Amino acid sequence: MPQKAPPGPPQDPEITLAWEAANRKRAAACAWGAGLLTIIGAMLSSIGLSGLPTFDSEAVTATDAIRDLIAGNPIPPGRIALQAEWLSSRLTMPIIGTVLYGIGSLLIFGVVVFLFKAIRARNPSFGQLTLVAGAFGAVAFGVGRTVAQLSYYFGIASFDGGNNLQATEALTGGPFVAGQILWQLGAFAIGFAFIMLGLNAMRVGLLTRFMGVLGMIVGATFILPLDQQGVLRAFWLATVGFIFILRWPGGRIPPAWLSGKPEPWPSMAAARAQKASGEPPASAPAPTLPPAASNGSGDADSAGQLRKKRKRKQ
């Protein structure tokens, strides 16, 4: 059985920095758009569904329904039917919110591609599976969720009244089930991609430990019923967008973005030892960046000048 060839050396730092300079603004726009549309979409959906009555007093149990059926009495509309009738005239905001949320999920694709290629340039052993999972997950999650939710809302709009069984058939008919399956598959795929990206970006020094761990937590929230409004996800995306364009409060960013090479963050034990000895950290934050030029090459030039300055100081 032939053995798999070992990964080659990291990509030439100059090539890496040139590609990142040409694509960083587009990736940042995807990150900010994904975060903003996720929050706006979730808010509109929540506002549209707020005030939904529970109709607890109108609940029809299975026993009640069977008793009415045996007696030949019509089954009264239950909680699901009454809620569907209540929502039928209040669907505009939930539908708009669902569409915006879906577009925001699709924009995550740009973030995944940029961060994956930045990691891969510094660590060639980083597997292609993460990129495939991220690309499929972003599309499947966004499309599946949108299809399932819109099918549900359109089912409400077409419901003409009846009992719970008739309401359930109207709400979950059509492409609802297919959308749910695609949604769940996409959630697992994009969650896996976020976990791998957060871990490996932290290992090569592209993300701080806080941002790397937070990215892994965000990945878990795609799979677990946590952060369903996407607040934590939006915060991480917005923050990563500023890191992509080399802008951070005080101009202090992970140095791997400036060198084009892997610059792993020291372990907790190593950091404590360095602090005790008074030595500077092995991966010290980069100095304040000057204003970027109007084109992508300006980012690469400023990064090169900063590296030369640091070498002369050493």
C-alpha atoms as a PDB file:
ATOM      1  CA  MET A   1       0.000   0.000   0.000  1.00  0.00           C
ATOM      2  CA  PRO A   2       1.605   3.299  -1.075  1.00  0.00           C
ATOM      3  CA  GLN A   3       2.318   5.713   1.715  1.00  0.00           C
ATOM      4  CA  LYS A   4       0.969   9.219   1.612  1.00  0.00           C
ATOM      5  CA  ALA A   5       3.634  11.786   0.806  1.00  0.00           C
ATOM      6  CA  PRO A   6       4.485  14.088   3.715  1.00  0.00           C
ATOM      7  CA  PRO A   7       3.298  17.687   3.413  1.00  0.00           C
ATOM      8  CA  GLY A   8       5.699  20.146   1.870  1.00  0.00           C
ATOM      9  CA  PRO A   9       7.142  23.208   3.565  1.00  0.00           C
ATOM     10  CA  PRO A  10       4.967  26.245   4.291  1.00  0.00           C
ATOM     11  CA  GLN A  11       4.261  28.524   1.353  1.00  0.00           C
ATOM     12  CA  ASP A  12       6.655  31.373   0.586  1.00  0.00           C
ATOM     13  CA  PRO A  13       5.708  34.151   3.053  1.00  0.00           C
ATOM     14  CA  GLU A  14       5.797  36.804   0.331  1.00  0.00           C
ATOM     15  CA  ILE A  15       3.287  34.859  -1.783  1.00  0.00           C
ATOM     16  CA  THR A  16       1.116  34.318   1.267  1.00  0.00           C
ATOM     17  CA  LEU A  17       1.113  37.995   2.231  1.00  0.00           C
ATOM     18  CA  ALA A  18       0.407  39.102  -1.347  1.00  0.00           C
ATOM     19  CA  TRP A  19      -2.621  36.797  -1.638  1.00  0.00           C
ATOM     20  CA  GLU A  20      -3.957  37.842   1.750  1.00  0.00           C
ATOM     21  CA  ALA A  21      -3.496  41.540   0.939  1.00  0.00           C
ATOM     22  CA  ALA A  22      -5.528  41.081  -2.255  1.00  0.00           C
ATOM     23  CA  ASN A  23      -8.379  39.221  -0.550  1.00  0.00           C
ATOM     24  CA  ARG A  24      -8.529  40.434   3.052  1.00  0.00           C
ATOM     25  CA  LYS A  25     -11.058  43.219   2.467  1.00  0.00           C
ATOM     26  CA  ARG A  26     -13.453  40.884   0.689  1.00  0.00           C
ATOM     27  CA  ALA A  27     -13.160  38.351   3.506  1.00  0.00           C
ATOM     28  CA  ALA A  28     -13.743  41.035   6.134  1.00  0.00           C
ATOM     29  CA  ALA A  29     -16.844  42.219   4.272  1.00  0.00           C
ATOM     30  CA  CYS A  30     -18.166  38.634   4.296  1.00  0.00           C
ATOM     31  CA  ALA A  31     -17.494  38.361   8.038  1.00  0.00           C
ATOM     32  CA  TRP A  32     -19.229  41.641   8.857  1.00  0.00           C
ATOM     33  CA  GLY A  33     -22.128  40.951   6.498  1.00  0.00           C
ATOM     34  CA  ALA A  34     -22.625  37.474   7.953  1.00  0.00           C
ATOM     35  CA  GLY A  35     -22.639  38.788  11.517  1.00  0.00           C
ATOM     36  CA  LEU A  36     -24.900  41.764  10.801  1.00  0.00           C
ATOM     37  CA  LEU A  37     -27.471  39.868   8.725  1.00  0.00           C
ATOM     38  CA  THR A  38     -27.582  37.050  11.276  1.00  0.00           C
ATOM     39  CA  ILE A  39     -28.436  39.488  14.074  1.00  0.00           C
ATOM     40  CA  ILE A  40     -30.938  41.522  12.016  1.00  0.00           C
ATOM     41  CA  GLY A  41     -32.621  38.383  10.706  1.00  0.00           C
ATOM     42  CA  ALA A  42     -32.941  36.867  14.168  1.00  0.00           C
ATOM     43  CA  MET A  43     -34.314  40.126  15.603  1.00  0.00           C
ATOM     44  CA  LEU A  44     -36.957  40.522  12.884  1.00  0.00           C
ATOM     45  CA  SER A  45     -38.096  36.932  13.323  1.00  0.00           C
ATOM     46  CA  SER A  46     -38.279  37.325  17.100  1.00  0.00           C
ATOM     47  CA  ILE A  47     -40.251  40.568  16.851  1.00  0.00           C
ATOM     48  CA  GLY A  48     -42.663  39.042  14.355  1.00  0.00           C
ATOM     49  CA  LEU A  49     -43.296  36.032  16.577  1.00  0.00           C
ATOM     50  CA  SER A  50     -43.474  37.951  19.840  1.00  0.00           C
ATOM     51  CA  GLY A  51     -46.828  37.994  21.532  1.00  0.00           C
ATOM     52  CA  LEU A  52     -47.823  34.576  20.177  1.00  0.00           C
ATOM     53  CA  PRO A  53     -50.604  33.333  22.480  1.00  0.00           C
ATOM     54  CA  THR A  54     -50.169  29.913  24.072  1.00  0.00           C
ATOM     55  CA  PHE A  55     -53.888  29.033  23.895  1.00  0.00           C
ATOM     56  CA  ASP A  56     -53.353  26.654  26.814  1.00  0.00           C
ATOM     57  CA  SER A  57     -57.053  26.590  27.612  1.00  0.00           C
ATOM     58  CA  GLU A  58     -57.796  25.437  24.066  1.00  0.00           C
ATOM     59  CA  ALA A  59     -55.373  22.500  24.079  1.00  0.00           C
ATOM     60  CA  VAL A  60     -56.883  19.299  22.681  1.00  0.00           C
ATOM     61  CA  THR A  61     -55.309  16.090  23.982  1.00  0.00           C
ATOM     62  CA  ALA A  62     -55.174  12.848  22.022  1.00  0.00           C
ATOM     63  CA  THR A  63     -57.718  11.346  24.426  1.00  0.00           C
ATOM     64  CA  ASP A  64     -60.145  14.214  23.817  1.00  0.00           C
ATOM     65  CA  ALA A  65     -59.730  13.900  20.064  1.00  0.00           C
ATOM     66  CA  ILE A  66     -60.384  10.130  20.123  1.00  0.00           C
ATOM     67  CA  ARG A  67     -63.434  10.613  22.336  1.00  0.00           C
ATOM     68  CA  ASP A  68     -64.882  13.220  19.948  1.00  0.00           C
ATOM     69  CA  LEU A  69     -64.100  10.997  16.963  1.00  0.00           C
ATOM     70  CA  ILE A  70     -65.882   7.995  18.479  1.00  0.00           C
ATOM     71  CA  ALA A  71     -68.855  10.131  19.454  1.00  0.00           C
ATOM     72  CA  GLY A  72     -69.060  11.552  15.950  1.00  0.00           C
ATOM     73  CA  ASN A  73     -68.421  15.095  17.164  1.00  0.00           C
ATOM     74  CA  PRO A  74     -66.197  17.450  15.154  1.00  0.00           C
ATOM     75  CA  ILE A  75     -62.716  17.796  16.616  1.00  0.00           C
ATOM     76  CA  PRO A  76     -62.332  21.414  17.795  1.00  0.00           C
ATOM     77  CA  PRO A  77     -59.322  23.485  16.690  1.00  0.00           C
ATOM     78  CA  GLY A  78     -56.507  23.005  19.154  1.00  0.00           C
ATOM     79  CA  ARG A  79     -53.459  25.028  20.143  1.00  0.00           C
ATOM     80  CA  ILE A  80     -51.495  24.489  16.904  1.00  0.00           C
ATOM     81  CA  ALA A  81     -54.460  25.412  14.709  1.00  0.00           C
ATOM     82  CA  LEU A  82     -55.251  28.535  16.712  1.00  0.00           C
ATOM     83  CA  GLN A  83     -51.619  29.677  16.721  1.00  0.00           C
ATOM     84  CA  ALA A  84     -51.424  29.170  12.955  1.00  0.00           C
ATOM     85  CA  GLU A  85     -54.530  31.316  12.485  1.00  0.00           C
ATOM     86  CA  TRP A  86     -53.056  34.004  14.751  1.00  0.00           C
ATOM     87  CA  LEU A  87     -49.755  34.044  12.821  1.00  0.00           C
ATOM     88  CA  SER A  88     -51.316  34.034   9.370  1.00  0.00           C
ATOM     89  CA  SER A  89     -51.643  37.849   9.354  1.00  0.00           C
ATOM     90  CA  ARG A  90     -48.234  38.511  10.954  1.00  0.00           C
ATOM     91  CA  LEU A  91     -45.791  36.713   8.639  1.00  0.00           C
ATOM     92  CA  THR A  92     -44.040  39.611   6.909  1.00  0.00           C
ATOM     93  CA  MET A  93     -41.301  40.197   9.476  1.00  0.00           C
ATOM     94  CA  PRO A  94     -40.558  36.496  10.146  1.00  0.00           C
ATOM     95  CA  ILE A  95     -40.227  35.851   6.401  1.00  0.00           C
ATOM     96  CA  ILE A  96     -37.885  38.817   5.879  1.00  0.00           C
ATOM     97  CA  GLY A  97     -35.897  37.793   8.949  1.00  0.00           C
ATOM     98  CA  THR A  98     -35.554  34.235   7.674  1.00  0.00           C
ATOM     99  CA  VAL A  99     -34.254  35.390   4.281  1.00  0.00           C
ATOM    100  CA  LEU A 100     -31.709  37.783   5.837  1.00  0.00           C
ATOM    101  CA  TYR A 101     -30.519  35.102   8.268  1.00  0.00           C
ATOM    102  CA  GLY A 102     -30.068  32.709   5.366  1.00  0.00           C
ATOM    103  CA  ILE A 103     -28.008  35.213   3.350  1.00  0.00           C
ATOM    104  CA  GLY A 104     -25.852  35.847   6.407  1.00  0.00           C
ATOM    105  CA  SER A 105     -25.230  32.112   6.745  1.00  0.00           C
ATOM    106  CA  LEU A 106     -24.143  31.880   3.092  1.00  0.00           C
ATOM    107  CA  LEU A 107     -21.626  34.711   3.596  1.00  0.00           C
ATOM    108  CA  ILE A 108     -19.811  32.569   6.161  1.00  0.00           C
ATOM    109  CA  PHE A 109     -18.399  30.701   3.135  1.00  0.00           C
ATOM    110  CA  GLY A 110     -16.081  33.639   2.372  1.00  0.00           C
ATOM    111  CA  VAL A 111     -14.776  33.663   5.944  1.00  0.00           C
ATOM    112  CA  VAL A 112     -14.108  29.925   5.903  1.00  0.00           C
ATOM    113  CA  VAL A 113     -12.191  30.039   2.604  1.00  0.00           C
ATOM    114  CA  PHE A 114      -9.963  32.982   3.583  1.00  0.00           C
ATOM    115  CA  LEU A 115      -9.106  31.665   7.041  1.00  0.00           C
ATOM    116  CA  PHE A 116      -8.522  28.133   5.723  1.00  0.00           C
ATOM    117  CA  LYS A 117      -6.107  29.308   3.029  1.00  0.00           C
ATOM    118  CA  ALA A 118      -4.262  31.518   5.514  1.00  0.00           C
ATOM    119  CA  ILE A 119      -3.805  28.545   7.846  1.00  0.00           C
ATOM    120  CA  ARG A 120      -2.901  26.153   5.011  1.00  0.00           C
ATOM    121  CA  ALA A 121      -0.184  28.520   3.733  1.00  0.00           C
ATOM    122  CA  ARG A 122       1.497  28.347   7.152  1.00  0.00           C
ATOM    123  CA  ASN A 123       0.707  24.691   7.873  1.00  0.00           C
ATOM    124  CA  PRO A 124       0.503  22.524   4.701  1.00  0.00           C
ATOM    125  CA  SER A 125      -0.568  19.485   6.765  1.00  0.00           C
ATOM    126  CA  PHE A 126      -3.924  21.154   7.518  1.00  0.00           C
ATOM    127  CA  GLY A 127      -6.382  18.846   5.742  1.00  0.00           C
ATOM    128  CA  GLN A 128      -8.671  19.831   2.878  1.00  0.00           C
ATOM    129  CA  LEU A 129     -11.604  18.192   4.687  1.00  0.00           C
ATOM    130  CA  THR A 130     -12.130  21.348   6.758  1.00  0.00           C
ATOM    131  CA  LEU A 131     -12.576  23.465   3.619  1.00  0.00           C
ATOM    132  CA  VAL A 132     -15.003  20.963   2.088  1.00  0.00           C
ATOM    133  CA  ALA A 133     -17.004  20.748   5.324  1.00  0.00           C
ATOM    134  CA  GLY A 134     -17.060  24.526   5.681  1.00  0.00           C
ATOM    135  CA  ALA A 135     -18.177  25.143   2.097  1.00  0.00           C
ATOM    136  CA  PHE A 136     -20.879  22.478   2.196  1.00  0.00           C
ATOM    137  CA  GLY A 137     -21.942  23.452   5.700  1.00  0.00           C
ATOM    138  CA  ALA A 138     -22.357  27.164   4.977  1.00  0.00           C
ATOM    139  CA  VAL A 139     -24.510  26.476   1.908  1.00  0.00           C
ATOM    140  CA  ALA A 140     -26.498  23.589   3.386  1.00  0.00           C
ATOM    141  CA  PHE A 141     -27.116  25.378   6.679  1.00  0.00           C
ATOM    142  CA  GLY A 142     -28.203  28.621   5.002  1.00  0.00           C
ATOM    143  CA  VAL A 143     -30.343  27.044   2.278  1.00  0.00           C
ATOM    144  CA  GLY A 144     -31.795  24.271   4.453  1.00  0.00           C
ATOM    145  CA  ARG A 145     -32.826  26.593   7.264  1.00  0.00           C
ATOM    146  CA  THR A 146     -34.347  29.103   4.841  1.00  0.00           C
ATOM    147  CA  VAL A 147     -36.303  26.437   2.935  1.00  0.00           C
ATOM    148  CA  ALA A 148     -37.630  24.825   6.125  1.00  0.00           C
ATOM    149  CA  GLN A 149     -38.667  28.107   7.726  1.00  0.00           C
ATOM    150  CA  LEU A 150     -40.253  29.557   4.578  1.00  0.00           C
ATOM    151  CA  SER A 151     -42.141  26.310   3.949  1.00  0.00           C
ATOM    152  CA  TYR A 152     -43.465  26.511   7.506  1.00  0.00           C
ATOM    153  CA  TYR A 153     -44.581  30.128   7.116  1.00  0.00           C
ATOM    154  CA  PHE A 154     -46.151  29.569   3.690  1.00  0.00           C
ATOM    155  CA  GLY A 155     -47.994  26.614   5.193  1.00  0.00           C
ATOM    156  CA  ILE A 156     -49.416  28.948   7.825  1.00  0.00           C
ATOM    157  CA  ALA A 157     -50.484  31.409   5.127  1.00  0.00           C
ATOM    158  CA  SER A 158     -52.328  28.653   3.231  1.00  0.00           C
ATOM    159  CA  PHE A 159     -54.049  27.203   6.317  1.00  0.00           C
ATOM    160  CA  ASP A 160     -57.800  27.820   6.039  1.00  0.00           C
ATOM    161  CA  GLY A 161     -58.749  26.600   9.484  1.00  0.00           C
ATOM    162  CA  GLY A 162     -59.351  23.194  11.000  1.00  0.00           C
ATOM    163  CA  ASN A 163     -58.025  21.007  13.773  1.00  0.00           C
ATOM    164  CA  ASN A 164     -54.467  20.350  14.949  1.00  0.00           C
ATOM    165  CA  LEU A 165     -53.901  17.464  12.532  1.00  0.00           C
ATOM    166  CA  GLN A 166     -54.901  19.567   9.540  1.00  0.00           C
ATOM    167  CA  ALA A 167     -52.749  22.455  10.758  1.00  0.00           C
ATOM    168  CA  THR A 168     -49.717  20.192  11.239  1.00  0.00           C
ATOM    169  CA  GLU A 169     -50.092  18.770   7.737  1.00  0.00           C
ATOM    170  CA  ALA A 170     -50.254  22.286   6.279  1.00  0.00           C
ATOM    171  CA  LEU A 171     -47.267  23.573   8.262  1.00  0.00           C
ATOM    172  CA  THR A 172     -44.911  20.633   7.698  1.00  0.00           C
ATOM    173  CA  GLY A 173     -45.834  19.738   4.148  1.00  0.00           C
ATOM    174  CA  GLY A 174     -43.980  20.468   0.928  1.00  0.00           C
ATOM    175  CA  PRO A 175     -40.209  20.905   1.209  1.00  0.00           C
ATOM    176  CA  PHE A 176     -40.244  21.362   4.997  1.00  0.00           C
ATOM    177  CA  VAL A 177     -38.784  17.921   5.805  1.00  0.00           C
ATOM    178  CA  ALA A 178     -36.119  18.152   3.075  1.00  0.00           C
ATOM    179  CA  GLY A 179     -35.120  21.589   4.357  1.00  0.00           C
ATOM    180  CA  GLN A 180     -34.867  20.286   7.925  1.00  0.00           C
ATOM    181  CA  ILE A 181     -32.574  17.417   6.866  1.00  0.00           C
ATOM    182  CA  LEU A 182     -30.332  19.732   4.835  1.00  0.00           C
ATOM    183  CA  TRP A 183     -30.309  22.220   7.719  1.00  0.00           C
ATOM    184  CA  GLN A 184     -29.122  19.626  10.223  1.00  0.00           C
ATOM    185  CA  LEU A 185     -26.454  18.202   7.910  1.00  0.00           C
ATOM    186  CA  GLY A 186     -25.175  21.718   7.259  1.00  0.00           C
ATOM    187  CA  ALA A 187     -25.118  22.499  10.979  1.00  0.00           C
ATOM    188  CA  PHE A 188     -22.877  19.511  11.705  1.00  0.00           C
ATOM    189  CA  ALA A 189     -20.562  20.323   8.778  1.00  0.00           C
ATOM    190  CA  ILE A 190     -20.147  24.049   9.510  1.00  0.00           C
ATOM    191  CA  GLY A 191     -19.801  23.315  13.227  1.00  0.00           C
ATOM    192  CA  PHE A 192     -16.963  20.888  12.523  1.00  0.00           C
ATOM    193  CA  ALA A 193     -15.298  23.443  10.223  1.00  0.00           C
ATOM    194  CA  PHE A 194     -15.471  26.200  12.851  1.00  0.00           C
ATOM    195  CA  ILE A 195     -13.922  23.945  15.484  1.00  0.00           C
ATOM    196  CA  MET A 196     -11.052  22.936  13.193  1.00  0.00           C
ATOM    197  CA  LEU A 197     -10.453  26.489  11.965  1.00  0.00           C
ATOM    198  CA  GLY A 198     -10.416  27.911  15.479  1.00  0.00           C
ATOM    199  CA  LEU A 199      -8.018  25.240  16.713  1.00  0.00           C
ATOM    200  CA  ASN A 200      -5.571  25.417  13.799  1.00  0.00           C
ATOM    201  CA  ALA A 201      -5.657  29.211  13.436  1.00  0.00           C
ATOM    202  CA  MET A 202      -4.682  29.398  17.088  1.00  0.00           C
ATOM    203  CA  ARG A 203      -1.882  26.874  16.561  1.00  0.00           C
ATOM    204  CA  VAL A 204      -0.210  28.873  13.742  1.00  0.00           C
ATOM    205  CA  GLY A 205      -0.755  32.188  15.524  1.00  0.00           C
ATOM    206  CA  LEU A 206      -3.451  33.733  13.296  1.00  0.00           C
ATOM    207  CA  LEU A 207      -5.935  33.946  16.176  1.00  0.00           C
ATOM    208  CA  THR A 208      -5.312  34.611  19.837  1.00  0.00           C
ATOM    209  CA  ARG A 209      -6.152  31.873  22.299  1.00  0.00           C
ATOM    210  CA  PHE A 210      -9.337  33.683  23.255  1.00  0.00           C
ATOM    211  CA  MET A 211     -10.519  34.039  19.643  1.00  0.00           C
ATOM    212  CA  GLY A 212      -9.484  30.494  18.754  1.00  0.00           C
ATOM    213  CA  VAL A 213     -11.354  28.957  21.677  1.00  0.00           C
ATOM    214  CA  LEU A 214     -14.333  31.224  21.054  1.00  0.00           C
ATOM    215  CA  GLY A 215     -14.422  30.083  17.422  1.00  0.00           C
ATOM    216  CA  MET A 216     -14.517  26.477  18.603  1.00  0.00           C
ATOM    217  CA  ILE A 217     -17.381  27.306  20.971  1.00  0.00           C
ATOM    218  CA  VAL A 218     -19.256  28.965  18.111  1.00  0.00           C
ATOM    219  CA  GLY A 219     -18.780  25.768  16.112  1.00  0.00           C
ATOM    220  CA  ALA A 220     -20.355  23.778  18.937  1.00  0.00           C
ATOM    221  CA  THR A 221     -23.374  26.123  19.001  1.00  0.00           C
ATOM    222  CA  PHE A 222     -24.252  25.125  15.435  1.00  0.00           C
ATOM    223  CA  ILE A 223     -24.753  21.568  16.665  1.00  0.00           C
ATOM    224  CA  LEU A 224     -26.042  22.069  20.207  1.00  0.00           C
ATOM    225  CA  PRO A 225     -29.256  24.040  20.941  1.00  0.00           C
ATOM    226  CA  LEU A 226     -27.283  27.043  22.172  1.00  0.00           C
ATOM    227  CA  ASP A 227     -27.086  30.604  20.832  1.00  0.00           C
ATOM    228  CA  GLN A 228     -29.999  30.015  18.461  1.00  0.00           C
ATOM    229  CA  GLN A 229     -30.193  33.755  17.780  1.00  0.00           C
ATOM    230  CA  GLY A 230     -26.568  33.745  16.618  1.00  0.00           C
ATOM    231  CA  VAL A 231     -25.379  36.503  18.979  1.00  0.00           C
ATOM    232  CA  LEU A 232     -22.106  34.772  19.894  1.00  0.00           C
ATOM    233  CA  ARG A 233     -21.519  33.858  16.249  1.00  0.00           C
ATOM    234  CA  ALA A 234     -22.076  37.452  15.123  1.00  0.00           C
ATOM    235  CA  PHE A 235     -19.617  38.766  17.715  1.00  0.00           C
ATOM    236  CA  TRP A 236     -16.915  36.319  16.605  1.00  0.00           C
ATOM    237  CA  LEU A 237     -17.464  37.112  12.924  1.00  0.00           C
ATOM    238  CA  ALA A 238     -17.335  40.861  13.500  1.00  0.00           C
ATOM    239  CA  THR A 239     -14.122  40.547  15.524  1.00  0.00           C
ATOM    240  CA  VAL A 240     -12.467  38.271  12.954  1.00  0.00           C
ATOM    241  CA  GLY A 241     -13.356  40.802  10.268  1.00  0.00           C
ATOM    242  CA  PHE A 242     -11.194  43.429  11.992  1.00  0.00           C
ATOM    243  CA  ILE A 243      -8.364  40.905  12.368  1.00  0.00           C
ATOM    244  CA  PHE A 244      -8.564  40.124   8.648  1.00  0.00           C
ATOM    245  CA  ILE A 245      -7.913  43.769   7.696  1.00  0.00           C
ATOM    246  CA  LEU A 246      -5.138  44.104  10.305  1.00  0.00           C
ATOM    247  CA  ARG A 247      -7.091  46.590  12.379  1.00  0.00           C
ATOM    248  CA  TRP A 248      -7.397  46.164  16.124  1.00  0.00           C
ATOM    249  CA  PRO A 249      -7.596  48.550  19.100  1.00  0.00           C
ATOM    250  CA  GLY A 250      -4.081  49.938  19.504  1.00  0.00           C
ATOM    251  CA  GLY A 251      -2.985  48.231  16.268  1.00  0.00           C
ATOM    252  CA  ARG A 252      -1.970  45.051  18.101  1.00  0.00           C
ATOM    253  CA  ILE A 253      -2.693  41.981  15.965  1.00  0.00           C
ATOM    254  CA  PRO A 254      -1.365  38.403  15.866  1.00  0.00           C
ATOM    255  CA  PRO A 255       2.134  38.650  14.312  1.00  0.00           C
ATOM    256  CA  ALA A 256       1.599  35.664  11.988  1.00  0.00           C
ATOM    257  CA  TRP A 257      -0.534  37.944   9.791  1.00  0.00           C
ATOM    258  CA  LEU A 258       2.525  40.193   9.242  1.00  0.00           C
ATOM    259  CA  SER A 259       5.243  37.576   8.819  1.00  0.00           C
ATOM    260  CA  GLY A 260       3.375  35.141   6.573  1.00  0.00           C
ATOM    261  CA  LYS A 261       4.844  32.339   8.701  1.00  0.00           C
ATOM    262  CA  PRO A 262       3.500  30.244  11.577  1.00  0.00           C
ATOM    263  CA  GLU A 263       4.136  31.949  14.902  1.00  0.00           C
ATOM    264  CA  PRO A 264       2.447  29.731  17.505  1.00  0.00           C
ATOM    265  CA  TRP A 265       1.322  31.289  20.732  1.00  0.00           C
ATOM    266  CA  PRO A 266       3.367  30.085  23.731  1.00  0.00           C
ATOM    267  CA  SER A 267       1.707  27.592  26.037  1.00  0.00           C
ATOM    268  CA  MET A 268       0.351  28.771  29.378  1.00  0.00           C
ATOM    269  CA  ALA A 269       3.337  27.229  31.189  1.00  0.00           C
ATOM    270  CA  ALA A 270       5.812  28.890  28.801  1.00  0.00           C
ATOM    271  CA  ALA A 271       4.055  32.242  29.146  1.00  0.00           C
ATOM    272  CA  ARG A 272       4.251  32.042  32.942  1.00  0.00           C
ATOM    273  CA  ALA A 273       7.936  31.108  32.774  1.00  0.00           C
ATOM    274  CA  GLN A 274       8.699  34.027  30.441  1.00  0.00           C
ATOM    275  CA  LYS A 275       6.816  36.404  32.688  1.00  0.00           C
ATOM    276  CA  ALA A 276       8.711  35.193  35.734  1.00  0.00           C
ATOM    277  CA  SER A 277      12.098  35.532  33.974  1.00  0.00           C
ATOM    278  CA  GLY A 278      11.281  38.965  32.573  1.00  0.00           C
ATOM    279  CA  GLU A 279      11.977  37.874  28.973  1.00  0.00           C
ATOM    280  CA  PRO A 280       9.743  39.167  26.161  1.00  0.00           C
ATOM    281  CA  PRO A 281       7.116  36.705  24.870  1.00  0.00           C
ATOM    282  CA  ALA A 282       8.120  34.487  21.957  1.00  0.00           C
ATOM    283  CA  SER A 283       5.211  35.766  19.874  1.00  0.00           C
ATOM    284  CA  ALA A 284       4.874  39.336  21.006  1.00  0.00           C
ATOM    285  CA  PRO A 285       2.005  41.337  19.519  1.00  0.00           C
ATOM    286  CA  ALA A 286       2.905  43.372  16.479  1.00  0.00           C
ATOM    287  CA  PRO A 287       3.524  47.103  16.729  1.00  0.00           C
ATOM    288  CA  THR A 288       0.994  49.711  15.725  1.00  0.00           C
ATOM    289  CA  LEU A 289       0.233  49.622  12.028  1.00  0.00           C
ATOM    290  CA  PRO A 290       0.352  52.746   9.846  1.00  0.00           C
ATOM    291  CA  PRO A 291      -2.736  53.641   7.786  1.00  0.00           C
ATOM    292  CA  ALA A 292      -3.162  51.160   4.919  1.00  0.00           C
ATOM    293  CA  ALA A 293      -2.764  52.190   1.319  1.00  0.00           C
ATOM    294  CA  SER A 294      -5.793  52.402  -0.916  1.00  0.00           C
ATOM    295  CA  ASN A 295      -5.006  49.112  -2.711  1.00  0.00           C
ATOM    296  CA  GLY A 296      -4.146  45.583  -1.590  1.00  0.00           C
ATOM    297  CA  SER A 297      -0.396  45.942  -2.293  1.00  0.00           C
ATOM    298  CA  GLY A 298      -0.192  48.659   0.350  1.00  0.00           C
ATOM    299  CA  ASP A 299      -1.027  46.139   3.052  1.00  0.00           C
ATOM    300  CA  ALA A 300       1.774  43.851   1.912  1.00  0.00           C
ATOM    301  CA  ASP A 301       4.309  46.726   1.706  1.00  0.00           C
ATOM    302  CA  SER A 302       3.494  47.996   5.204  1.00  0.00           C
ATOM    303  CA  ALA A 303       3.797  44.476   6.581  1.00  0.00           C
ATOM    304  CA  GLY A 304       7.220  44.083   4.942  1.00  0.00           C
ATOM    305  CA  GLN A 305       8.465  47.401   6.364  1.00  0.00           C
ATOM    306  CA  LEU A 306       7.337  46.380   9.855  1.00  0.00           C
ATOM    307  CA  ARG A 307       9.219  43.101   9.606  1.00  0.00           C
ATOM    308  CA  LYS A 308      12.428  44.925   8.558  1.00  0.00           C
ATOM    309  CA  LYS A 309      12.089  47.367  11.461  1.00  0.00           C
ATOM    310  CA  ARG A 310      11.730  44.525  13.939  1.00  0.00           C
ATOM    311  CA  LYS A 311      14.831  42.797  12.546  1.00  0.00           C
ATOM    312  CA  ARG A 312      16.940  45.997  12.893  1.00  0.00           C
ATOM    313  CA  LYS A 313      15.769  46.429  16.501  1.00  0.00           C
ATOM    314  CA  GLN A 314      16.813  42.884  17.284  1.00  0.00           C
END
